[in-house]
PDB file of all heavy atoms in Angstrom:
ATOM      1  N   GLY A   1      31.326   9.365  20.155  1.00  0.00           N
ATOM      2  CA  GLY A   1      30.751  10.586  19.599  1.00  0.00           C
ATOM      3  C   GLY A   1      29.657  10.350  18.582  1.00  0.00           C
ATOM      4  O   GLY A   1      28.961  11.278  18.179  1.00  0.00           O
ATOM      5  N   GLU A   2      29.475   9.100  18.130  1.00  0.00           N
ATOM      6  CA  GLU A   2      28.396   8.801  17.194  1.00  0.00           C
ATOM      7  C   GLU A   2      27.071   8.771  17.944  1.00  0.00           C
ATOM      8  O   GLU A   2      27.012   8.372  19.113  1.00  0.00           O
ATOM      9  CB  GLU A   2      28.658   7.457  16.514  1.00  0.00           C
ATOM     10  CG  GLU A   2      27.729   7.183  15.338  1.00  0.00           C
ATOM     11  CD  GLU A   2      28.142   5.925  14.587  1.00  0.00           C
ATOM     12  OE1 GLU A   2      29.083   5.242  15.047  1.00  0.00           O
ATOM     13  OE2 GLU A   2      27.528   5.633  13.553  1.00  0.00           O
ATOM     14  N   TYR A   3      25.993   9.197  17.286  1.00  0.00           N
ATOM     15  CA  TYR A   3      24.707   9.229  17.975  1.00  0.00           C
ATOM     16  C   TYR A   3      23.604   8.703  17.078  1.00  0.00           C
ATOM     17  O   TYR A   3      23.699   8.703  15.858  1.00  0.00           O
ATOM     18  CB  TYR A   3      24.381  10.644  18.458  1.00  0.00           C
ATOM     19  CG  TYR A   3      24.262  11.667  17.360  1.00  0.00           C
ATOM     20  CD1 TYR A   3      23.043  11.914  16.721  1.00  0.00           C
ATOM     21  CD2 TYR A   3      25.367  12.409  16.945  1.00  0.00           C
ATOM     22  CE1 TYR A   3      22.928  12.854  15.715  1.00  0.00           C
ATOM     23  CE2 TYR A   3      25.266  13.356  15.933  1.00  0.00           C
ATOM     24  CZ  TYR A   3      24.043  13.571  15.334  1.00  0.00           C
ATOM     25  OH  TYR A   3      23.932  14.498  14.330  1.00  0.00           O
ATOM     26  N   TYR A   4      22.514   8.260  17.729  1.00  0.00           N
ATOM     27  CA  TYR A   4      21.384   7.672  17.025  1.00  0.00           C
ATOM     28  C   TYR A   4      20.096   8.348  17.470  1.00  0.00           C
ATOM     29  O   TYR A   4      19.862   8.521  18.668  1.00  0.00           O
ATOM     30  CB  TYR A   4      21.304   6.171  17.309  1.00  0.00           C
ATOM     31  CG  TYR A   4      22.575   5.429  16.996  1.00  0.00           C
ATOM     32  CD1 TYR A   4      23.505   5.144  17.995  1.00  0.00           C
ATOM     33  CD2 TYR A   4      22.864   5.034  15.697  1.00  0.00           C
ATOM     34  CE1 TYR A   4      24.678   4.468  17.708  1.00  0.00           C
ATOM     35  CE2 TYR A   4      24.034   4.361  15.400  1.00  0.00           C
ATOM     36  CZ  TYR A   4      24.935   4.083  16.413  1.00  0.00           C
ATOM     37  OH  TYR A   4      26.102   3.422  16.127  1.00  0.00           O
ATOM     38  N   PRO A   5      19.215   8.724  16.535  1.00  0.00           N
ATOM     39  CA  PRO A   5      17.972   9.391  16.916  1.00  0.00           C
ATOM     40  C   PRO A   5      16.934   8.411  17.445  1.00  0.00           C
ATOM     41  O   PRO A   5      16.926   7.230  17.108  1.00  0.00           O
ATOM     42  CB  PRO A   5      17.502  10.017  15.595  1.00  0.00           C
ATOM     43  CG  PRO A   5      18.059   9.124  14.548  1.00  0.00           C
ATOM     44  CD  PRO A   5      19.381   8.643  15.078  1.00  0.00           C
ATOM     45  N   SER A   6      16.024   8.927  18.255  1.00  0.00           N
ATOM     46  CA  SER A   6      14.914   8.138  18.764  1.00  0.00           C
ATOM     47  C   SER A   6      13.887   7.882  17.660  1.00  0.00           C
ATOM     48  O   SER A   6      13.797   8.638  16.686  1.00  0.00           O
ATOM     49  CB  SER A   6      14.245   8.885  19.925  1.00  0.00           C
ATOM     50  OG  SER A   6      12.925   8.437  20.116  1.00  0.00           O
ATOM     51  N   ASN A   7      13.116   6.821  17.821  1.00  0.00           N
ATOM     52  CA  ASN A   7      12.065   6.525  16.846  1.00  0.00           C
ATOM     53  C   ASN A   7      10.924   7.542  16.913  1.00  0.00           C
ATOM     54  O   ASN A   7      10.086   7.599  16.014  1.00  0.00           O
ATOM     55  CB  ASN A   7      11.502   5.122  17.072  1.00  0.00           C
ATOM     56  CG  ASN A   7      10.738   5.000  18.384  1.00  0.00           C
ATOM     57  OD1 ASN A   7      11.197   5.461  19.423  1.00  0.00           O
ATOM     58  ND2 ASN A   7       9.586   4.354  18.355  1.00  0.00           N
ATOM     59  N   LYS A   8      10.860   8.357  17.952  1.00  0.00           N
ATOM     60  CA  LYS A   8       9.805   9.357  18.096  1.00  0.00           C
ATOM     61  C   LYS A   8      10.262  10.749  17.669  1.00  0.00           C
ATOM     62  O   LYS A   8       9.537  11.721  17.881  1.00  0.00           O
ATOM     63  CB  LYS A   8       9.290   9.383  19.541  1.00  0.00           C
ATOM     64  CG  LYS A   8       8.607   8.100  19.971  1.00  0.00           C
ATOM     65  CD  LYS A   8       8.024   8.232  21.370  1.00  0.00           C
ATOM     66  CE  LYS A   8       7.386   6.925  21.811  1.00  0.00           C
ATOM     67  NZ  LYS A   8       6.235   6.554  20.969  1.00  0.00           N
ATOM     68  N   ASN A   9      11.471  10.866  17.106  1.00  0.00           N
ATOM     69  CA  ASN A   9      11.951  12.182  16.686  1.00  0.00           C
ATOM     70  C   ASN A   9      11.038  12.782  15.623  1.00  0.00           C
ATOM     71  O   ASN A   9      10.663  12.128  14.657  1.00  0.00           O
ATOM     72  CB  ASN A   9      13.372  12.077  16.115  1.00  0.00           C
ATOM     73  CG  ASN A   9      14.409  12.317  17.183  1.00  0.00           C
ATOM     74  OD1 ASN A   9      14.087  12.413  18.368  1.00  0.00           O
ATOM     75  ND2 ASN A   9      15.663  12.406  16.786  1.00  0.00           N
ATOM     76  N   GLY A  10      10.724  14.058  15.810  1.00  0.00           N
ATOM     77  CA  GLY A  10       9.921  14.745  14.820  1.00  0.00           C
ATOM     78  C   GLY A  10       8.782  15.528  15.451  1.00  0.00           C
ATOM     79  O   GLY A  10       8.648  15.605  16.678  1.00  0.00           O
ATOM     80  N   TRP A  11       7.956  16.133  14.588  1.00  0.00           N
ATOM     81  CA  TRP A  11       6.830  16.962  15.013  1.00  0.00           C
ATOM     82  C   TRP A  11       5.538  16.410  14.427  1.00  0.00           C
ATOM     83  O   TRP A  11       5.499  15.975  13.280  1.00  0.00           O
ATOM     84  CB  TRP A  11       7.045  18.394  14.534  1.00  0.00           C
ATOM     85  CG  TRP A  11       5.877  19.316  14.748  1.00  0.00           C
ATOM     86  CD1 TRP A  11       5.585  20.016  15.885  1.00  0.00           C
ATOM     87  CD2 TRP A  11       4.853  19.641  13.814  1.00  0.00           C
ATOM     88  NE1 TRP A  11       4.429  20.750  15.707  1.00  0.00           N
ATOM     89  CE2 TRP A  11       3.962  20.537  14.439  1.00  0.00           C
ATOM     90  CE3 TRP A  11       4.600  19.254  12.492  1.00  0.00           C
ATOM     91  CZ2 TRP A  11       2.841  21.060  13.800  1.00  0.00           C
ATOM     92  CZ3 TRP A  11       3.475  19.762  11.854  1.00  0.00           C
ATOM     93  CH2 TRP A  11       2.620  20.662  12.502  1.00  0.00           C
ATOM     94  N   THR A  12       4.477  16.396  15.234  1.00  0.00           N
ATOM     95  CA  THR A  12       3.179  15.907  14.781  1.00  0.00           C
ATOM     96  C   THR A  12       2.085  16.830  15.295  1.00  0.00           C
ATOM     97  O   THR A  12       2.136  17.298  16.432  1.00  0.00           O
ATOM     98  CB  THR A  12       2.910  14.479  15.295  1.00  0.00           C
ATOM     99  OG1 THR A  12       3.941  13.613  14.856  1.00  0.00           O
ATOM    100  CG2 THR A  12       1.572  13.962  14.772  1.00  0.00           C
ATOM    101  N   SER A  13       1.107  17.105  14.441  1.00  0.00           N
ATOM    102  CA  SER A  13      -0.067  17.884  14.832  1.00  0.00           C
ATOM    103  C   SER A  13      -1.320  17.159  14.353  1.00  0.00           C
ATOM    104  O   SER A  13      -1.374  16.710  13.205  1.00  0.00           O
ATOM    105  CB  SER A  13      -0.022  19.293  14.226  1.00  0.00           C
ATOM    106  OG  SER A  13      -1.284  19.939  14.355  1.00  0.00           O
ATOM    107  N   PHE A  14      -2.307  17.050  15.239  1.00  0.00           N
ATOM    108  CA  PHE A  14      -3.603  16.511  14.845  1.00  0.00           C
ATOM    109  C   PHE A  14      -4.671  17.521  15.240  1.00  0.00           C
ATOM    110  O   PHE A  14      -4.839  17.836  16.421  1.00  0.00           O
ATOM    111  CB  PHE A  14      -3.881  15.165  15.513  1.00  0.00           C
ATOM    112  CG  PHE A  14      -5.218  14.586  15.118  1.00  0.00           C
ATOM    113  CD1 PHE A  14      -5.454  14.196  13.813  1.00  0.00           C
ATOM    114  CD2 PHE A  14      -6.226  14.453  16.051  1.00  0.00           C
ATOM    115  CE1 PHE A  14      -6.681  13.676  13.439  1.00  0.00           C
ATOM    116  CE2 PHE A  14      -7.463  13.932  15.685  1.00  0.00           C
ATOM    117  CZ  PHE A  14      -7.685  13.532  14.383  1.00  0.00           C
ATOM    118  N   LYS A  15      -5.373  18.055  14.240  1.00  0.00           N
ATOM    119  CA  LYS A  15      -6.387  19.081  14.479  1.00  0.00           C
ATOM    120  C   LYS A  15      -7.784  18.533  14.197  1.00  0.00           C
ATOM    121  O   LYS A  15      -7.997  17.884  13.169  1.00  0.00           O
ATOM    122  CB  LYS A  15      -6.122  20.317  13.603  1.00  0.00           C
ATOM    123  CG  LYS A  15      -4.884  21.099  14.008  1.00  0.00           C
ATOM    124  CD  LYS A  15      -4.741  22.398  13.245  1.00  0.00           C
ATOM    125  CE  LYS A  15      -4.263  22.172  11.842  1.00  0.00           C
ATOM    126  NZ  LYS A  15      -3.918  23.432  11.153  1.00  0.00           N
ATOM    127  N   LEU A  16      -8.706  18.802  15.114  1.00  0.00           N
ATOM    128  CA  LEU A  16     -10.119  18.504  14.940  1.00  0.00           C
ATOM    129  C   LEU A  16     -10.849  19.833  14.877  1.00  0.00           C
ATOM    130  O   LEU A  16     -10.873  20.580  15.861  1.00  0.00           O
ATOM    131  CB  LEU A  16     -10.648  17.655  16.100  1.00  0.00           C
ATOM    132  CG  LEU A  16     -10.181  16.197  16.149  1.00  0.00           C
ATOM    133  CD1 LEU A  16     -10.645  15.539  17.444  1.00  0.00           C
ATOM    134  CD2 LEU A  16     -10.700  15.416  14.940  1.00  0.00           C
ATOM    135  N   GLN A  17     -11.433  20.156  13.708  1.00  0.00           N
ATOM    136  CA  GLN A  17     -11.972  21.491  13.492  1.00  0.00           C
ATOM    137  C   GLN A  17     -13.324  21.463  12.787  1.00  0.00           C
ATOM    138  O   GLN A  17     -13.579  20.599  11.942  1.00  0.00           O
ATOM    139  CB  GLN A  17     -10.989  22.329  12.658  1.00  0.00           C
ATOM    140  CG  GLN A  17      -9.651  22.580  13.340  1.00  0.00           C
ATOM    141  CD  GLN A  17      -8.677  23.295  12.435  1.00  0.00           C
ATOM    142  OE1 GLN A  17      -8.258  22.758  11.430  1.00  0.00           O
ATOM    143  NE2 GLN A  17      -8.325  24.526  12.790  1.00  0.00           N
ATOM    144  N   GLY A  18     -14.167  22.435  13.141  1.00  0.00           N
ATOM    145  CA  GLY A  18     -15.346  22.716  12.350  1.00  0.00           C
ATOM    146  C   GLY A  18     -14.950  23.573  11.169  1.00  0.00           C
ATOM    147  O   GLY A  18     -13.929  24.275  11.197  1.00  0.00           O
ATOM    148  N   VAL A  19     -15.735  23.525  10.085  1.00  0.00           N
ATOM    149  CA  VAL A  19     -15.382  24.214   8.847  1.00  0.00           C
ATOM    150  C   VAL A  19     -16.572  25.033   8.355  1.00  0.00           C
ATOM    151  O   VAL A  19     -17.707  24.559   8.347  1.00  0.00           O
ATOM    152  CB  VAL A  19     -14.970  23.205   7.739  1.00  0.00           C
ATOM    153  CG1 VAL A  19     -14.617  23.940   6.453  1.00  0.00           C
ATOM    154  CG2 VAL A  19     -13.798  22.354   8.201  1.00  0.00           C
ATOM    155  N   ILE A  20     -16.291  26.270   7.961  1.00  0.00           N
ATOM    156  CA  ILE A  20     -17.273  27.112   7.279  1.00  0.00           C
ATOM    157  C   ILE A  20     -16.683  27.479   5.921  1.00  0.00           C
ATOM    158  O   ILE A  20     -15.581  28.037   5.844  1.00  0.00           O
ATOM    159  CB  ILE A  20     -17.588  28.387   8.076  1.00  0.00           C
ATOM    160  CG1 ILE A  20     -18.252  28.033   9.414  1.00  0.00           C
ATOM    161  CG2 ILE A  20     -18.504  29.306   7.272  1.00  0.00           C
ATOM    162  CD1 ILE A  20     -18.505  29.239  10.296  1.00  0.00           C
ATOM    163  N   GLY A  21     -17.387  27.153   4.851  1.00  0.00           N
ATOM    164  CA  GLY A  21     -16.940  27.481   3.503  1.00  0.00           C
ATOM    165  C   GLY A  21     -17.842  28.534   2.890  1.00  0.00           C
ATOM    166  O   GLY A  21     -19.077  28.425   2.960  1.00  0.00           O
ATOM    167  N   ILE A  22     -17.255  29.567   2.312  1.00  0.00           N
ATOM    168  CA  ILE A  22     -18.020  30.669   1.716  1.00  0.00           C
ATOM    169  C   ILE A  22     -17.554  30.835   0.270  1.00  0.00           C
ATOM    170  O   ILE A  22     -16.425  31.225   0.001  1.00  0.00           O
ATOM    171  CB  ILE A  22     -17.801  31.984   2.486  1.00  0.00           C
ATOM    172  CG1 ILE A  22     -18.135  31.789   3.970  1.00  0.00           C
ATOM    173  CG2 ILE A  22     -18.635  33.106   1.891  1.00  0.00           C
ATOM    174  CD1 ILE A  22     -17.741  32.960   4.844  1.00  0.00           C
ATOM    175  N   GLY A  23     -18.433  30.493  -0.660  1.00  0.00           N
ATOM    176  CA  GLY A  23     -18.123  30.611  -2.078  1.00  0.00           C
ATOM    177  C   GLY A  23     -19.396  30.816  -2.870  1.00  0.00           C
ATOM    178  O   GLY A  23     -20.269  31.581  -2.467  1.00  0.00           O
ATOM    179  N   GLU A  24     -19.521  30.126  -3.986  1.00  0.00           N
ATOM    180  CA  GLU A  24     -20.786  30.167  -4.723  1.00  0.00           C
ATOM    181  C   GLU A  24     -21.926  29.622  -3.867  1.00  0.00           C
ATOM    182  O   GLU A  24     -23.074  30.020  -4.010  1.00  0.00           O
ATOM    183  CB  GLU A  24     -20.661  29.360  -6.010  1.00  0.00           C
ATOM    184  CG  GLU A  24     -19.760  29.989  -7.062  1.00  0.00           C
ATOM    185  CD  GLU A  24     -19.797  29.205  -8.357  1.00  0.00           C
ATOM    186  OE1 GLU A  24     -19.213  28.086  -8.388  1.00  0.00           O
ATOM    187  OE2 GLU A  24     -20.405  29.686  -9.318  1.00  0.00           O
ATOM    188  N   LYS A  25     -21.572  28.688  -2.977  1.00  0.00           N
ATOM    189  CA  LYS A  25     -22.527  28.118  -2.035  1.00  0.00           C
ATOM    190  C   LYS A  25     -21.940  28.203  -0.629  1.00  0.00           C
ATOM    191  O   LYS A  25     -20.735  28.047  -0.435  1.00  0.00           O
ATOM    192  CB  LYS A  25     -22.830  26.665  -2.385  1.00  0.00           C
ATOM    193  CG  LYS A  25     -23.396  26.462  -3.783  1.00  0.00           C
ATOM    194  CD  LYS A  25     -23.519  24.986  -4.097  1.00  0.00           C
ATOM    195  CE  LYS A  25     -24.017  24.768  -5.515  1.00  0.00           C
ATOM    196  NZ  LYS A  25     -24.099  23.320  -5.850  1.00  0.00           N
TER     197      LYS A  25
END
């Protein structure tokens, strides 16, 4: 009944994005 997790357990996100910033400049 004992168990062991995989080395790949978990969540990952990689985002490649353009950015527009609106402020004083």
